[in-house]
Amino acid sequence: VSISGRVTTADGRSIRNVKVSLTDQSGNVRSALTNAFGYYRFDGIEAGQTVVISVAAKRYVFASPTRIVTVQEELADIDFTAET
C-alpha cells in the first residue's frame, strides 16, 4: 500500500523540499522530499505494519513532527502543518 500527504504552512501554503521519513517495524528508514506543491508519497508498504512518519525542515517548526500510523490500507491524508 502507499502513504502520502502534504506539508504546508499554518496559512495553507505548500512547503517544498521538506524531508519526510518513514521508519518501519524493523527499523528500516526511507526518506522522501516534498514536491513543489508540498506533497510526498511512500509506495510499497506492507499492510498491517505500524510505521513512524516524521518531518523535518530547517526553516519551520512543527507542533507534531512525528506520527505513528498503523497501515491497513492506502493512506492519503497524513499531513503536517508548520507553526512558523
N, C-alpha and C. Protein backbone atom coordinates (compact mmCIF):
# COMPACT_ATOMS: atom_id res chain seq x y z
N VAL A 1 0.85 -1.19 0.00
CA VAL A 1 0.00 0.00 0.00
C VAL A 1 0.88 1.24 0.00
N SER A 2 0.28 2.40 -0.04
CA SER A 2 1.06 3.64 -0.04
C SER A 2 0.58 4.59 1.05
N ILE A 3 1.47 5.47 1.44
CA ILE A 3 1.16 6.54 2.39
C ILE A 3 1.57 7.84 1.72
N SER A 4 0.69 8.81 1.76
CA SER A 4 1.03 10.11 1.18
C SER A 4 0.38 11.22 2.00
N GLY A 5 0.82 12.42 1.75
CA GLY A 5 0.28 13.57 2.45
C GLY A 5 0.89 14.84 1.93
N ARG A 6 0.67 15.91 2.68
CA ARG A 6 1.14 17.23 2.26
C ARG A 6 1.71 17.98 3.45
N VAL A 7 2.70 18.81 3.18
CA VAL A 7 3.31 19.65 4.21
C VAL A 7 3.03 21.10 3.83
N THR A 8 2.40 21.83 4.76
CA THR A 8 2.02 23.22 4.49
C THR A 8 2.37 24.12 5.67
N THR A 9 2.32 25.42 5.39
CA THR A 9 2.46 26.41 6.46
C THR A 9 1.11 26.56 7.16
N ALA A 10 1.08 27.28 8.26
CA ALA A 10 -0.16 27.48 9.01
C ALA A 10 -1.24 28.16 8.16
N ASP A 11 -0.81 28.98 7.19
CA ASP A 11 -1.80 29.66 6.34
C ASP A 11 -2.09 28.90 5.04
N GLY A 12 -1.64 27.64 4.96
CA GLY A 12 -2.02 26.78 3.85
C GLY A 12 -1.10 26.76 2.64
N ARG A 13 0.03 27.48 2.71
CA ARG A 13 0.96 27.45 1.58
C ARG A 13 1.81 26.18 1.62
N SER A 14 2.03 25.59 0.47
CA SER A 14 2.84 24.38 0.39
C SER A 14 4.30 24.68 0.69
N ILE A 15 4.98 23.68 1.24
CA ILE A 15 6.42 23.81 1.54
C ILE A 15 7.14 22.74 0.74
N ARG A 16 8.04 23.16 -0.14
CA ARG A 16 8.78 22.21 -0.97
C ARG A 16 10.08 21.80 -0.31
N ASN A 17 10.61 20.67 -0.73
CA ASN A 17 11.91 20.13 -0.28
C ASN A 17 11.99 19.89 1.22
N VAL A 18 10.88 19.49 1.82
CA VAL A 18 10.89 19.09 3.23
C VAL A 18 11.16 17.59 3.29
N LYS A 19 12.04 17.19 4.20
CA LYS A 19 12.37 15.77 4.33
C LYS A 19 11.33 15.08 5.21
N VAL A 20 10.70 14.06 4.64
CA VAL A 20 9.74 13.23 5.35
C VAL A 20 10.35 11.85 5.46
N SER A 21 10.39 11.31 6.67
CA SER A 21 10.99 9.99 6.89
C SER A 21 9.95 9.00 7.37
N LEU A 22 10.10 7.77 6.93
CA LEU A 22 9.22 6.68 7.35
C LEU A 22 10.10 5.58 7.93
N THR A 23 9.81 5.18 9.17
CA THR A 23 10.55 4.09 9.81
C THR A 23 9.58 2.94 10.02
N ASP A 24 9.94 1.75 9.49
CA ASP A 24 9.05 0.61 9.64
C ASP A 24 9.36 -0.16 10.93
N GLN A 25 8.61 -1.23 11.17
CA GLN A 25 8.75 -2.01 12.41
C GLN A 25 10.12 -2.64 12.57
N SER A 26 10.82 -2.86 11.45
CA SER A 26 12.15 -3.46 11.51
C SER A 26 13.25 -2.44 11.71
N GLY A 27 12.88 -1.16 11.74
CA GLY A 27 13.87 -0.10 11.91
C GLY A 27 14.42 0.45 10.61
N ASN A 28 13.90 -0.01 9.48
CA ASN A 28 14.35 0.50 8.19
C ASN A 28 13.77 1.89 7.97
N VAL A 29 14.62 2.81 7.52
CA VAL A 29 14.20 4.19 7.31
C VAL A 29 14.22 4.52 5.82
N ARG A 30 13.11 5.11 5.35
CA ARG A 30 13.02 5.60 3.98
C ARG A 30 12.72 7.09 4.06
N SER A 31 13.25 7.84 3.12
CA SER A 31 13.02 9.28 3.11
C SER A 31 12.48 9.74 1.76
N ALA A 32 11.73 10.83 1.81
CA ALA A 32 11.21 11.46 0.60
C ALA A 32 11.24 12.97 0.81
N LEU A 33 11.38 13.70 -0.29
CA LEU A 33 11.29 15.16 -0.23
C LEU A 33 9.96 15.59 -0.82
N THR A 34 9.36 16.61 -0.21
CA THR A 34 8.10 17.11 -0.76
C THR A 34 8.36 17.80 -2.09
N ASN A 35 7.36 17.73 -2.97
CA ASN A 35 7.49 18.38 -4.28
C ASN A 35 7.11 19.86 -4.19
N ALA A 36 7.02 20.52 -5.31
CA ALA A 36 6.73 21.96 -5.35
C ALA A 36 5.39 22.31 -4.72
N PHE A 37 4.48 21.34 -4.65
CA PHE A 37 3.15 21.58 -4.07
C PHE A 37 3.04 21.05 -2.64
N GLY A 38 4.17 20.60 -2.08
CA GLY A 38 4.20 20.14 -0.70
C GLY A 38 3.82 18.69 -0.49
N TYR A 39 3.63 17.94 -1.57
CA TYR A 39 3.20 16.55 -1.45
C TYR A 39 4.37 15.58 -1.37
N TYR A 40 4.16 14.49 -0.61
CA TYR A 40 5.14 13.40 -0.54
C TYR A 40 4.37 12.08 -0.66
N ARG A 41 5.11 11.00 -0.94
CA ARG A 41 4.46 9.69 -1.09
C ARG A 41 5.49 8.58 -0.85
N PHE A 42 5.05 7.55 -0.13
CA PHE A 42 5.83 6.33 0.05
C PHE A 42 5.00 5.18 -0.52
N ASP A 43 5.59 4.37 -1.40
CA ASP A 43 4.91 3.23 -2.00
C ASP A 43 5.51 1.93 -1.48
N GLY A 44 4.79 0.85 -1.68
CA GLY A 44 5.31 -0.47 -1.36
C GLY A 44 5.40 -0.78 0.12
N ILE A 45 4.48 -0.25 0.91
CA ILE A 45 4.48 -0.52 2.35
C ILE A 45 3.57 -1.71 2.61
N GLU A 46 4.05 -2.64 3.41
CA GLU A 46 3.29 -3.84 3.70
C GLU A 46 2.12 -3.52 4.63
N ALA A 47 0.93 -3.93 4.25
CA ALA A 47 -0.26 -3.69 5.08
C ALA A 47 -0.11 -4.42 6.42
N GLY A 48 -0.65 -3.84 7.48
CA GLY A 48 -0.57 -4.43 8.80
C GLY A 48 0.57 -3.93 9.64
N GLN A 49 1.47 -3.17 9.05
CA GLN A 49 2.61 -2.63 9.79
C GLN A 49 2.23 -1.36 10.54
N THR A 50 2.94 -1.11 11.63
CA THR A 50 2.88 0.18 12.30
C THR A 50 4.16 0.90 11.94
N VAL A 51 4.04 2.12 11.41
CA VAL A 51 5.20 2.88 10.96
C VAL A 51 5.22 4.24 11.67
N VAL A 52 6.40 4.82 11.71
CA VAL A 52 6.57 6.16 12.26
C VAL A 52 6.91 7.09 11.11
N ILE A 53 6.15 8.16 10.97
CA ILE A 53 6.40 9.15 9.92
C ILE A 53 6.80 10.44 10.61
N SER A 54 7.91 11.01 10.19
CA SER A 54 8.36 12.26 10.80
C SER A 54 8.78 13.25 9.72
N VAL A 55 8.73 14.52 10.08
CA VAL A 55 9.01 15.59 9.15
C VAL A 55 10.04 16.53 9.77
N ALA A 56 10.94 17.06 8.94
CA ALA A 56 11.97 17.99 9.44
C ALA A 56 12.29 19.01 8.36
N ALA A 57 12.31 20.28 8.75
CA ALA A 57 12.66 21.36 7.83
C ALA A 57 13.45 22.40 8.60
N LYS A 58 14.49 22.92 7.97
CA LYS A 58 15.37 23.88 8.65
C LYS A 58 14.66 25.17 9.05
N ARG A 59 13.76 25.66 8.18
CA ARG A 59 13.16 26.96 8.42
C ARG A 59 11.80 26.90 9.11
N TYR A 60 11.33 25.70 9.46
CA TYR A 60 9.99 25.56 10.01
C TYR A 60 9.98 24.71 11.27
N VAL A 61 9.02 25.00 12.15
CA VAL A 61 8.82 24.22 13.37
C VAL A 61 7.44 23.58 13.27
N PHE A 62 7.35 22.32 13.66
CA PHE A 62 6.10 21.59 13.61
C PHE A 62 5.66 21.22 15.02
N ALA A 63 4.40 21.48 15.36
CA ALA A 63 3.88 21.13 16.68
C ALA A 63 3.88 19.62 16.87
N SER A 64 3.56 18.88 15.82
CA SER A 64 3.56 17.42 15.86
C SER A 64 4.40 16.89 14.70
N PRO A 65 5.73 16.85 14.88
CA PRO A 65 6.59 16.44 13.76
C PRO A 65 6.64 14.93 13.53
N THR A 66 6.00 14.14 14.41
CA THR A 66 6.05 12.69 14.29
C THR A 66 4.65 12.11 14.44
N ARG A 67 4.34 11.14 13.60
CA ARG A 67 3.06 10.43 13.68
C ARG A 67 3.34 8.94 13.66
N ILE A 68 2.58 8.20 14.47
CA ILE A 68 2.64 6.74 14.47
C ILE A 68 1.35 6.25 13.82
N VAL A 69 1.49 5.46 12.76
CA VAL A 69 0.34 5.06 11.96
C VAL A 69 0.37 3.54 11.74
N THR A 70 -0.77 2.92 11.94
CA THR A 70 -0.92 1.51 11.56
C THR A 70 -1.54 1.48 10.18
N VAL A 71 -0.85 0.83 9.26
CA VAL A 71 -1.25 0.83 7.86
C VAL A 71 -2.09 -0.41 7.56
N GLN A 72 -3.37 -0.22 7.29
CA GLN A 72 -4.23 -1.32 6.88
C GLN A 72 -4.58 -1.22 5.41
N GLU A 73 -4.63 0.03 4.93
CA GLU A 73 -4.96 0.32 3.53
C GLU A 73 -4.25 1.62 3.15
N GLU A 74 -4.38 2.01 1.91
CA GLU A 74 -3.73 3.23 1.45
C GLU A 74 -4.17 4.42 2.28
N LEU A 75 -3.19 5.21 2.70
CA LEU A 75 -3.46 6.42 3.48
C LEU A 75 -3.00 7.63 2.67
N ALA A 76 -3.91 8.58 2.47
CA ALA A 76 -3.59 9.70 1.58
C ALA A 76 -3.68 11.05 2.27
N ASP A 77 -3.83 11.07 3.58
CA ASP A 77 -4.01 12.36 4.24
C ASP A 77 -3.16 12.52 5.50
N ILE A 78 -1.94 12.00 5.43
CA ILE A 78 -1.03 12.16 6.57
C ILE A 78 -0.30 13.50 6.36
N ASP A 79 -0.97 14.56 6.78
CA ASP A 79 -0.50 15.93 6.53
C ASP A 79 0.21 16.50 7.75
N PHE A 80 1.14 17.40 7.49
CA PHE A 80 1.86 18.11 8.53
C PHE A 80 1.73 19.61 8.28
N THR A 81 1.53 20.37 9.36
CA THR A 81 1.40 21.82 9.24
C THR A 81 2.46 22.50 10.10
N ALA A 82 3.22 23.39 9.50
CA ALA A 82 4.26 24.11 10.22
C ALA A 82 3.65 25.26 11.02
N GLU A 83 4.22 25.49 12.20
CA GLU A 83 3.78 26.62 13.03
C GLU A 83 4.41 27.92 12.56
N THR A 84 5.70 27.84 12.20
CA THR A 84 6.42 29.05 11.77
C THR A 84 7.18 28.76 10.50
